[in-house]
């Protein structure tokens, strides 16, 4: 039996077992995917002994992503550039780490907005934390002309400019609304608007009418930002899609099958988040 897991501290909230369990059943694979709570001081030992624990690999979530990148071999240039790992796998006795958050973000966008093109476009990203790194990098890799990174602490946004280059434009939080003209993609990567967190207050009056609006928050399924954008007539993309799509490559690395993100899977996880969900 092939086994994989998700590690974090805490980890009880993770919906990854629901996602991977669906794919295991769908493809008739004799495997198991489980949650494993791993304290920060135990991370190095756990990753060193993955095979001894019987695991083919694991997903990595908060607060371990950056530390894990220093403990395993980065599998690709994107992972090295981000300095964070969310997927670990074993090959020929070596422990590798990769980051699938960026492709999860882009593939979710493409599934929801098939004709979206970011080449030479302008994007605005709210937040400069860990989640923002993968999103900003992915947008730049799609050929965007400029990514305005808006953050309460301007220095953190400036760090992204130093990391990714001149196409990143650091912007102070109070200037967010002024950046929305000619914006083709608006992304919230902060926890503002998440259930149990402060609301995200942003005036969308100047937002380009062609802009797609997305939020990586998925609790609630549709945040107040997305509700407001939809009322204004914008195409909106919910955060659950990124969660589902970032899981695809890990499943393939561990279980040898490339799964698909289907409406059935989306609705299964959506109902776990909100029992009243109806498509």
C-alpha atoms as a PDB file:
ATOM      1  CA  UNK A   1       0.000   0.000   0.000  1.00  0.00           C
ATOM      2  CA  UNK A   2       1.282   3.446  -0.960  1.00  0.00           C
ATOM      3  CA  UNK A   3       0.949   6.009   1.802  1.00  0.00           C
ATOM      4  CA  UNK A   4       1.274   9.790   1.854  1.00  0.00           C
ATOM      5  CA  UNK A   5       0.310  12.460   4.341  1.00  0.00           C
ATOM      6  CA  UNK A   6       0.032  16.153   5.068  1.00  0.00           C
ATOM      7  CA  UNK A   7       2.107  17.637   7.883  1.00  0.00           C
ATOM      8  CA  UNK A   8       1.671  20.869   9.776  1.00  0.00           C
ATOM      9  CA  UNK A   9       1.243  22.311  13.265  1.00  0.00           C
ATOM     10  CA  UNK A  10      -1.704  22.268  13.784  1.00  0.00           C
ATOM     11  CA  UNK A  11      -3.080  20.019  11.041  1.00  0.00           C
ATOM     12  CA  UNK A  12      -6.607  18.927  12.076  1.00  0.00           C
ATOM     13  CA  UNK A  13      -8.171  21.565   9.792  1.00  0.00           C
ATOM     14  CA  UNK A  14      -6.561  20.220   6.594  1.00  0.00           C
ATOM     15  CA  UNK A  15      -8.899  19.067   3.830  1.00  0.00           C
ATOM     16  CA  UNK A  16      -6.108  17.364   1.882  1.00  0.00           C
ATOM     17  CA  UNK A  17      -7.181  13.857   3.023  1.00  0.00           C
ATOM     18  CA  UNK A  18     -10.633  14.492   1.539  1.00  0.00           C
ATOM     19  CA  UNK A  19      -9.107  15.522  -1.805  1.00  0.00           C
ATOM     20  CA  UNK A  20      -6.591  12.704  -2.094  1.00  0.00           C
ATOM     21  CA  UNK A  21      -9.024  10.148  -0.705  1.00  0.00           C
ATOM     22  CA  UNK A  22     -11.439  11.056  -3.497  1.00  0.00           C
ATOM     23  CA  UNK A  23      -8.752  10.468  -6.134  1.00  0.00           C
ATOM     24  CA  UNK A  24      -7.619   7.198  -4.554  1.00  0.00           C
ATOM     25  CA  UNK A  25     -11.177   5.901  -4.705  1.00  0.00           C
ATOM     26  CA  UNK A  26     -11.750   7.278  -8.202  1.00  0.00           C
ATOM     27  CA  UNK A  27      -8.686   5.514  -9.619  1.00  0.00           C
ATOM     28  CA  UNK A  28      -9.027   2.314  -7.583  1.00  0.00           C
ATOM     29  CA  UNK A  29      -5.591   2.748  -6.007  1.00  0.00           C
ATOM     30  CA  UNK A  30      -4.712   0.813  -2.878  1.00  0.00           C
ATOM     31  CA  UNK A  31      -3.319   3.713  -0.936  1.00  0.00           C
ATOM     32  CA  UNK A  32      -3.851   5.948   2.032  1.00  0.00           C
ATOM     33  CA  UNK A  33      -3.453   9.663   2.718  1.00  0.00           C
ATOM     34  CA  UNK A  34      -3.562  10.965   6.276  1.00  0.00           C
ATOM     35  CA  UNK A  35      -2.900  13.937   8.546  1.00  0.00           C
ATOM     36  CA  UNK A  36       0.257  13.900  10.643  1.00  0.00           C
ATOM     37  CA  UNK A  37       0.798  16.625  13.252  1.00  0.00           C
ATOM     38  CA  UNK A  38       4.500  17.514  13.278  1.00  0.00           C
ATOM     39  CA  UNK A  39       5.849  20.109  15.709  1.00  0.00           C
ATOM     40  CA  UNK A  40       8.525  22.488  14.386  1.00  0.00           C
ATOM     41  CA  UNK A  41      11.244  20.875  16.486  1.00  0.00           C
ATOM     42  CA  UNK A  42      10.374  17.458  15.009  1.00  0.00           C
ATOM     43  CA  UNK A  43      10.284  18.463  11.337  1.00  0.00           C
ATOM     44  CA  UNK A  44      13.850  17.571  10.388  1.00  0.00           C
ATOM     45  CA  UNK A  45      13.616  14.125  11.991  1.00  0.00           C
ATOM     46  CA  UNK A  46      10.257  13.416  10.343  1.00  0.00           C
ATOM     47  CA  UNK A  47      11.487  14.319   6.852  1.00  0.00           C
ATOM     48  CA  UNK A  48      14.660  12.253   7.334  1.00  0.00           C
ATOM     49  CA  UNK A  49      12.589   9.194   8.247  1.00  0.00           C
ATOM     50  CA  UNK A  50       9.734   9.447   5.729  1.00  0.00           C
ATOM     51  CA  UNK A  51      10.579   6.072   4.209  1.00  0.00           C
ATOM     52  CA  UNK A  52      10.903   4.470   7.636  1.00  0.00           C
ATOM     53  CA  UNK A  53       7.406   5.704   8.434  1.00  0.00           C
ATOM     54  CA  UNK A  54       6.226   4.053   5.222  1.00  0.00           C
ATOM     55  CA  UNK A  55       5.456   7.245   3.318  1.00  0.00           C
ATOM     56  CA  UNK A  56       6.124   7.937  -0.362  1.00  0.00           C
ATOM     57  CA  UNK A  57       5.987  11.650   0.446  1.00  0.00           C
ATOM     58  CA  UNK A  58       3.952  14.379   2.051  1.00  0.00           C
ATOM     59  CA  UNK A  59       2.325  17.737   1.669  1.00  0.00           C
ATOM     60  CA  UNK A  60       3.753  20.500   3.824  1.00  0.00           C
ATOM     61  CA  UNK A  61       1.656  23.301   5.273  1.00  0.00           C
ATOM     62  CA  UNK A  62       2.048  26.031   7.893  1.00  0.00           C
ATOM     63  CA  UNK A  63       4.378  26.663   9.586  1.00  0.00           C
ATOM     64  CA  UNK A  64       6.846  24.331   7.838  1.00  0.00           C
ATOM     65  CA  UNK A  65       7.092  25.374   4.172  1.00  0.00           C
ATOM     66  CA  UNK A  66      10.246  27.506   4.374  1.00  0.00           C
ATOM     67  CA  UNK A  67      12.063  25.260   6.835  1.00  0.00           C
ATOM     68  CA  UNK A  68      11.272  22.187   4.742  1.00  0.00           C
ATOM     69  CA  UNK A  69      12.904  23.839   1.735  1.00  0.00           C
ATOM     70  CA  UNK A  70      16.182  23.957   3.666  1.00  0.00           C
ATOM     71  CA  UNK A  71      15.899  20.323   4.729  1.00  0.00           C
ATOM     72  CA  UNK A  72      15.217  18.646   1.368  1.00  0.00           C
ATOM     73  CA  UNK A  73      16.675  18.905  -2.135  1.00  0.00           C
ATOM     74  CA  UNK A  74      14.821  21.537  -4.210  1.00  0.00           C
ATOM     75  CA  UNK A  75      13.488  19.733  -7.285  1.00  0.00           C
ATOM     76  CA  UNK A  76      13.328  22.726  -9.625  1.00  0.00           C
ATOM     77  CA  UNK A  77      14.364  26.342 -10.107  1.00  0.00           C
ATOM     78  CA  UNK A  78      10.942  27.696  -9.107  1.00  0.00           C
ATOM     79  CA  UNK A  79      11.156  26.005  -5.711  1.00  0.00           C
ATOM     80  CA  UNK A  80      14.655  27.404  -5.155  1.00  0.00           C
ATOM     81  CA  UNK A  81      13.448  30.880  -6.120  1.00  0.00           C
ATOM     82  CA  UNK A  82      10.480  30.712  -3.744  1.00  0.00           C
ATOM     83  CA  UNK A  83      12.411  29.176  -0.861  1.00  0.00           C
ATOM     84  CA  UNK A  84       9.327  27.229   0.179  1.00  0.00           C
ATOM     85  CA  UNK A  85       8.156  23.639  -0.288  1.00  0.00           C
ATOM     86  CA  UNK A  86       4.600  22.298  -0.142  1.00  0.00           C
ATOM     87  CA  UNK A  87       5.200  18.846  -1.667  1.00  0.00           C
ATOM     88  CA  UNK A  88       7.880  16.319  -0.678  1.00  0.00           C
ATOM     89  CA  UNK A  89       8.578  13.031  -2.445  1.00  0.00           C
ATOM     90  CA  UNK A  90      11.173  10.252  -2.450  1.00  0.00           C
ATOM     91  CA  UNK A  91      13.196   9.089  -5.450  1.00  0.00           C
ATOM     92  CA  UNK A  92      16.062   6.592  -5.340  1.00  0.00           C
ATOM     93  CA  UNK A  93      16.740   7.180  -1.688  1.00  0.00           C
ATOM     94  CA  UNK A  94      16.723  10.985  -1.913  1.00  0.00           C
ATOM     95  CA  UNK A  95      14.154  13.378  -0.467  1.00  0.00           C
ATOM     96  CA  UNK A  96      13.023  16.054  -2.915  1.00  0.00           C
ATOM     97  CA  UNK A  97      10.817  19.089  -2.418  1.00  0.00           C
ATOM     98  CA  UNK A  98       8.792  21.133  -4.856  1.00  0.00           C
ATOM     99  CA  UNK A  99       6.191  23.902  -4.729  1.00  0.00           C
ATOM    100  CA  UNK A 100       2.877  23.481  -6.545  1.00  0.00           C
ATOM    101  CA  UNK A 101       1.087  26.569  -5.209  1.00  0.00           C
ATOM    102  CA  UNK A 102       1.823  28.696  -8.271  1.00  0.00           C
ATOM    103  CA  UNK A 103       0.623  26.118 -10.784  1.00  0.00           C
ATOM    104  CA  UNK A 104      -2.409  25.494  -8.581  1.00  0.00           C
ATOM    105  CA  UNK A 105      -3.237  29.196  -8.737  1.00  0.00           C
ATOM    106  CA  UNK A 106      -2.776  29.461 -12.513  1.00  0.00           C
ATOM    107  CA  UNK A 107      -4.584  26.208 -13.330  1.00  0.00           C
ATOM    108  CA  UNK A 108      -7.527  27.260 -11.176  1.00  0.00           C
ATOM    109  CA  UNK A 109      -7.691  30.535 -13.094  1.00  0.00           C
ATOM    110  CA  UNK A 110      -7.540  28.728 -16.426  1.00  0.00           C
ATOM    111  CA  UNK A 111     -10.251  26.262 -15.486  1.00  0.00           C
ATOM    112  CA  UNK A 112     -12.584  29.051 -14.334  1.00  0.00           C
ATOM    113  CA  UNK A 113     -11.643  31.585 -17.047  1.00  0.00           C
ATOM    114  CA  UNK A 114     -10.465  29.519 -20.049  1.00  0.00           C
ATOM    115  CA  UNK A 115      -9.600  32.522 -22.192  1.00  0.00           C
ATOM    116  CA  UNK A 116      -7.588  34.431 -19.603  1.00  0.00           C
ATOM    117  CA  UNK A 117      -4.302  35.883 -20.872  1.00  0.00           C
ATOM    118  CA  UNK A 118      -1.813  37.593 -18.598  1.00  0.00           C
ATOM    119  CA  UNK A 119       0.878  38.393 -21.178  1.00  0.00           C
ATOM    120  CA  UNK A 120       1.737  42.101 -20.964  1.00  0.00           C
ATOM    121  CA  UNK A 121      -1.113  42.569 -18.501  1.00  0.00           C
ATOM    122  CA  UNK A 122      -1.105  44.421 -15.197  1.00  0.00           C
ATOM    123  CA  UNK A 123      -1.999  42.599 -11.977  1.00  0.00           C
ATOM    124  CA  UNK A 124      -2.543  43.762  -8.414  1.00  0.00           C
ATOM    125  CA  UNK A 125      -1.744  41.366  -5.569  1.00  0.00           C
ATOM    126  CA  UNK A 126      -2.844  42.168  -2.025  1.00  0.00           C
ATOM    127  CA  UNK A 127      -0.347  40.877   0.521  1.00  0.00           C
ATOM    128  CA  UNK A 128       3.360  40.046   0.512  1.00  0.00           C
ATOM    129  CA  UNK A 129       3.453  37.014   2.801  1.00  0.00           C
ATOM    130  CA  UNK A 130       4.291  33.406   2.030  1.00  0.00           C
ATOM    131  CA  UNK A 131       1.228  32.778  -0.136  1.00  0.00           C
ATOM    132  CA  UNK A 132       1.954  35.895  -2.155  1.00  0.00           C
ATOM    133  CA  UNK A 133       5.383  34.629  -3.229  1.00  0.00           C
ATOM    134  CA  UNK A 134       4.011  31.738  -5.278  1.00  0.00           C
ATOM    135  CA  UNK A 135       1.177  33.832  -6.743  1.00  0.00           C
ATOM    136  CA  UNK A 136       3.420  36.720  -7.786  1.00  0.00           C
ATOM    137  CA  UNK A 137       5.992  34.365  -9.287  1.00  0.00           C
ATOM    138  CA  UNK A 138       3.302  32.505 -11.237  1.00  0.00           C
ATOM    139  CA  UNK A 139       1.847  35.736 -12.637  1.00  0.00           C
ATOM    140  CA  UNK A 140       5.291  36.903 -13.722  1.00  0.00           C
ATOM    141  CA  UNK A 141       5.963  33.527 -15.378  1.00  0.00           C
ATOM    142  CA  UNK A 142       2.768  34.066 -17.384  1.00  0.00           C
ATOM    143  CA  UNK A 143       4.354  37.178 -18.899  1.00  0.00           C
ATOM    144  CA  UNK A 144       2.640  39.950 -16.945  1.00  0.00           C
ATOM    145  CA  UNK A 145       4.108  43.402 -17.572  1.00  0.00           C
ATOM    146  CA  UNK A 146       3.688  44.560 -13.968  1.00  0.00           C
ATOM    147  CA  UNK A 147       2.546  43.154 -10.642  1.00  0.00           C
ATOM    148  CA  UNK A 148       1.675  45.757  -8.029  1.00  0.00           C
ATOM    149  CA  UNK A 149       2.215  44.159  -4.618  1.00  0.00           C
ATOM    150  CA  UNK A 150       0.189  45.980  -1.977  1.00  0.00           C
ATOM    151  CA  UNK A 151       1.130  45.416   1.648  1.00  0.00           C
ATOM    152  CA  UNK A 152       0.747  47.078   5.029  1.00  0.00           C
ATOM    153  CA  UNK A 153       4.495  46.795   5.578  1.00  0.00           C
ATOM    154  CA  UNK A 154       6.019  48.286   2.451  1.00  0.00           C
ATOM    155  CA  UNK A 155       9.413  46.697   3.140  1.00  0.00           C
ATOM    156  CA  UNK A 156       7.921  43.214   2.655  1.00  0.00           C
ATOM    157  CA  UNK A 157       6.597  44.252  -0.758  1.00  0.00           C
ATOM    158  CA  UNK A 158      10.029  45.663  -1.585  1.00  0.00           C
ATOM    159  CA  UNK A 159      11.543  42.287  -0.697  1.00  0.00           C
ATOM    160  CA  UNK A 160       9.423  40.738  -3.447  1.00  0.00           C
ATOM    161  CA  UNK A 161      10.777  43.296  -5.908  1.00  0.00           C
ATOM    162  CA  UNK A 162      14.323  42.349  -4.950  1.00  0.00           C
ATOM    163  CA  UNK A 163      13.445  38.662  -5.314  1.00  0.00           C
ATOM    164  CA  UNK A 164      11.513  38.801  -8.604  1.00  0.00           C
ATOM    165  CA  UNK A 165      12.795  41.923 -10.319  1.00  0.00           C
ATOM    166  CA  UNK A 166      11.599  45.205 -11.774  1.00  0.00           C
ATOM    167  CA  UNK A 167       8.186  43.956 -12.878  1.00  0.00           C
ATOM    168  CA  UNK A 168       7.137  43.959  -9.208  1.00  0.00           C
ATOM    169  CA  UNK A 169       5.917  47.342  -8.004  1.00  0.00           C
ATOM    170  CA  UNK A 170       5.759  47.744  -4.192  1.00  0.00           C
ATOM    171  CA  UNK A 171       2.712  49.734  -3.062  1.00  0.00           C
ATOM    172  CA  UNK A 172       1.646  50.950   0.377  1.00  0.00           C
ATOM    173  CA  UNK A 173      -1.673  49.574   1.649  1.00  0.00           C
ATOM    174  CA  UNK A 174      -3.373  52.967   1.750  1.00  0.00           C
ATOM    175  CA  UNK A 175      -2.687  53.364  -1.979  1.00  0.00           C
ATOM    176  CA  UNK A 176      -4.357  50.084  -2.986  1.00  0.00           C
ATOM    177  CA  UNK A 177      -7.452  51.618  -4.607  1.00  0.00           C
ATOM    178  CA  UNK A 178      -5.307  53.876  -6.789  1.00  0.00           C
ATOM    179  CA  UNK A 179      -3.686  50.802  -8.396  1.00  0.00           C
ATOM    180  CA  UNK A 180      -6.875  49.293  -9.800  1.00  0.00           C
ATOM    181  CA  UNK A 181      -7.045  51.176 -13.091  1.00  0.00           C
ATOM    182  CA  UNK A 182      -5.945  49.072 -16.099  1.00  0.00           C
ATOM    183  CA  UNK A 183      -5.734  46.084 -13.757  1.00  0.00           C
ATOM    184  CA  UNK A 184      -6.616  42.813 -15.506  1.00  0.00           C
ATOM    185  CA  UNK A 185      -6.234  40.593 -12.430  1.00  0.00           C
ATOM    186  CA  UNK A 186      -6.830  41.405  -8.756  1.00  0.00           C
ATOM    187  CA  UNK A 187      -5.720  38.787  -6.216  1.00  0.00           C
ATOM    188  CA  UNK A 188      -6.147  38.750  -2.452  1.00  0.00           C
ATOM    189  CA  UNK A 189      -3.474  36.619  -0.766  1.00  0.00           C
ATOM    190  CA  UNK A 190      -4.033  37.990   2.751  1.00  0.00           C
ATOM    191  CA  UNK A 191      -6.163  36.416   5.477  1.00  0.00           C
ATOM    192  CA  UNK A 192      -8.459  39.463   5.457  1.00  0.00           C
ATOM    193  CA  UNK A 193     -11.981  38.323   4.718  1.00  0.00           C
ATOM    194  CA  UNK A 194     -11.343  34.798   5.967  1.00  0.00           C
ATOM    195  CA  UNK A 195     -13.820  33.391   8.449  1.00  0.00           C
ATOM    196  CA  UNK A 196     -12.764  34.568  11.909  1.00  0.00           C
ATOM    197  CA  UNK A 197     -10.470  37.316  10.569  1.00  0.00           C
ATOM    198  CA  UNK A 198     -10.885  41.032   9.956  1.00  0.00           C
ATOM    199  CA  UNK A 199     -12.762  42.082   6.805  1.00  0.00           C
ATOM    200  CA  UNK A 200     -10.978  43.267   3.680  1.00  0.00           C
ATOM    201  CA  UNK A 201     -12.015  46.840   3.016  1.00  0.00           C
ATOM    202  CA  UNK A 202     -11.159  47.881  -0.528  1.00  0.00           C
ATOM    203  CA  UNK A 203     -13.009  50.343  -2.738  1.00  0.00           C
ATOM    204  CA  UNK A 204     -13.407  48.715  -6.166  1.00  0.00           C
ATOM    205  CA  UNK A 205     -14.790  51.829  -7.873  1.00  0.00           C
ATOM    206  CA  UNK A 206     -11.651  52.307  -9.988  1.00  0.00           C
ATOM    207  CA  UNK A 207     -11.224  48.643 -10.902  1.00  0.00           C
ATOM    208  CA  UNK A 208     -10.934  48.051 -14.647  1.00  0.00           C
ATOM    209  CA  UNK A 209     -14.234  46.562 -15.838  1.00  0.00           C
ATOM    210  CA  UNK A 210     -12.325  43.766 -17.625  1.00  0.00           C
ATOM    211  CA  UNK A 211     -10.543  42.646 -14.458  1.00  0.00           C
ATOM    212  CA  UNK A 212     -10.828  39.126 -13.091  1.00  0.00           C
ATOM    213  CA  UNK A 213     -10.972  39.049  -9.277  1.00  0.00           C
ATOM    214  CA  UNK A 214      -9.791  36.093  -7.224  1.00  0.00           C
ATOM    215  CA  UNK A 215      -9.185  35.349  -3.561  1.00  0.00           C
ATOM    216  CA  UNK A 216      -7.041  32.503  -2.262  1.00  0.00           C
ATOM    217  CA  UNK A 217      -9.224  32.428   0.875  1.00  0.00           C
ATOM    218  CA  UNK A 218     -11.761  29.579   0.659  1.00  0.00           C
ATOM    219  CA  UNK A 219     -13.508  29.868   4.028  1.00  0.00           C
ATOM    220  CA  UNK A 220     -16.036  31.242   3.244  1.00  0.00           C
ATOM    221  CA  UNK A 221     -16.266  29.805  -0.260  1.00  0.00           C
ATOM    222  CA  UNK A 222     -17.073  33.232  -1.650  1.00  0.00           C
ATOM    223  CA  UNK A 223     -15.557  36.111   0.298  1.00  0.00           C
ATOM    224  CA  UNK A 224     -17.028  39.598   0.605  1.00  0.00           C
ATOM    225  CA  UNK A 225     -14.425  40.799  -1.931  1.00  0.00           C
ATOM    226  CA  UNK A 226     -15.695  38.300  -4.502  1.00  0.00           C
ATOM    227  CA  UNK A 227     -19.332  39.086  -3.716  1.00  0.00           C
ATOM    228  CA  UNK A 228     -18.734  42.789  -4.293  1.00  0.00           C
ATOM    229  CA  UNK A 229     -16.759  42.158  -7.487  1.00  0.00           C
ATOM    230  CA  UNK A 230     -19.496  39.891  -8.831  1.00  0.00           C
ATOM    231  CA  UNK A 231     -22.125  42.549  -8.117  1.00  0.00           C
ATOM    232  CA  UNK A 232     -20.037  44.937 -10.194  1.00  0.00           C
ATOM    233  CA  UNK A 233     -20.037  42.476 -13.087  1.00  0.00           C
ATOM    234  CA  UNK A 234     -16.508  41.111 -12.770  1.00  0.00           C
ATOM    235  CA  UNK A 235     -15.587  37.497 -13.409  1.00  0.00           C
ATOM    236  CA  UNK A 236     -14.620  36.040 -10.021  1.00  0.00           C
ATOM    237  CA  UNK A 237     -12.615  32.929  -9.119  1.00  0.00           C
ATOM    238  CA  UNK A 238     -13.023  31.380  -5.681  1.00  0.00           C
ATOM    239  CA  UNK A 239     -10.046  30.230  -3.637  1.00  0.00           C
ATOM    240  CA  UNK A 240     -11.113  26.592  -3.396  1.00  0.00           C
ATOM    241  CA  UNK A 241      -9.898  25.998  -6.950  1.00  0.00           C
ATOM    242  CA  UNK A 242      -6.299  26.772  -6.008  1.00  0.00           C
ATOM    243  CA  UNK A 243      -6.468  24.317  -3.091  1.00  0.00           C
ATOM    244  CA  UNK A 244      -7.692  21.570  -5.411  1.00  0.00           C
ATOM    245  CA  UNK A 245      -5.291  22.236  -8.287  1.00  0.00           C
ATOM    246  CA  UNK A 246      -2.183  22.529  -6.114  1.00  0.00           C
ATOM    247  CA  UNK A 247      -2.827  18.951  -4.970  1.00  0.00           C
ATOM    248  CA  UNK A 248      -2.705  17.427  -8.463  1.00  0.00           C
ATOM    249  CA  UNK A 249       1.049  17.068  -8.988  1.00  0.00           C
ATOM    250  CA  UNK A 250       1.693  15.682  -5.523  1.00  0.00           C
ATOM    251  CA  UNK A 251      -0.813  12.898  -6.089  1.00  0.00           C
ATOM    252  CA  UNK A 252       0.904  12.094  -9.380  1.00  0.00           C
ATOM    253  CA  UNK A 253       4.353  11.987  -7.747  1.00  0.00           C
ATOM    254  CA  UNK A 254       3.237   9.628  -4.967  1.00  0.00           C
ATOM    255  CA  UNK A 255       0.610   7.435  -6.597  1.00  0.00           C
ATOM    256  CA  UNK A 256       1.657   7.471 -10.265  1.00  0.00           C
ATOM    257  CA  UNK A 257      -1.606   8.807 -11.718  1.00  0.00           C
ATOM    258  CA  UNK A 258      -2.316  12.372 -12.860  1.00  0.00           C
ATOM    259  CA  UNK A 259      -5.769  13.144 -11.407  1.00  0.00           C
ATOM    260  CA  UNK A 260      -8.293  15.726 -12.575  1.00  0.00           C
ATOM    261  CA  UNK A 261     -10.107  18.438 -10.668  1.00  0.00           C
ATOM    262  CA  UNK A 262     -13.742  17.631 -11.415  1.00  0.00           C
ATOM    263  CA  UNK A 263     -17.005  19.353 -10.463  1.00  0.00           C
ATOM    264  CA  UNK A 264     -17.757  16.337  -8.258  1.00  0.00           C
ATOM    265  CA  UNK A 265     -14.528  16.836  -6.285  1.00  0.00           C
ATOM    266  CA  UNK A 266     -15.127  20.583  -6.017  1.00  0.00           C
ATOM    267  CA  UNK A 267     -18.632  20.019  -4.647  1.00  0.00           C
ATOM    268  CA  UNK A 268     -17.452  17.347  -2.196  1.00  0.00           C
ATOM    269  CA  UNK A 269     -14.930  19.709  -0.613  1.00  0.00           C
ATOM    270  CA  UNK A 270     -17.264  22.711  -0.873  1.00  0.00           C
ATOM    271  CA  UNK A 271     -19.918  20.852   1.136  1.00  0.00           C
ATOM    272  CA  UNK A 272     -17.307  19.986   3.753  1.00  0.00           C
ATOM    273  CA  UNK A 273     -16.589  23.701   4.105  1.00  0.00           C
ATOM    274  CA  UNK A 274     -20.215  24.791   3.895  1.00  0.00           C
ATOM    275  CA  UNK A 275     -22.881  22.094   4.384  1.00  0.00           C
ATOM    276  CA  UNK A 276     -25.415  24.422   2.753  1.00  0.00           C
ATOM    277  CA  UNK A 277     -23.413  24.655  -0.471  1.00  0.00           C
ATOM    278  CA  UNK A 278     -25.453  24.212  -3.636  1.00  0.00           C
ATOM    279  CA  UNK A 279     -24.034  24.547  -7.137  1.00  0.00           C
END
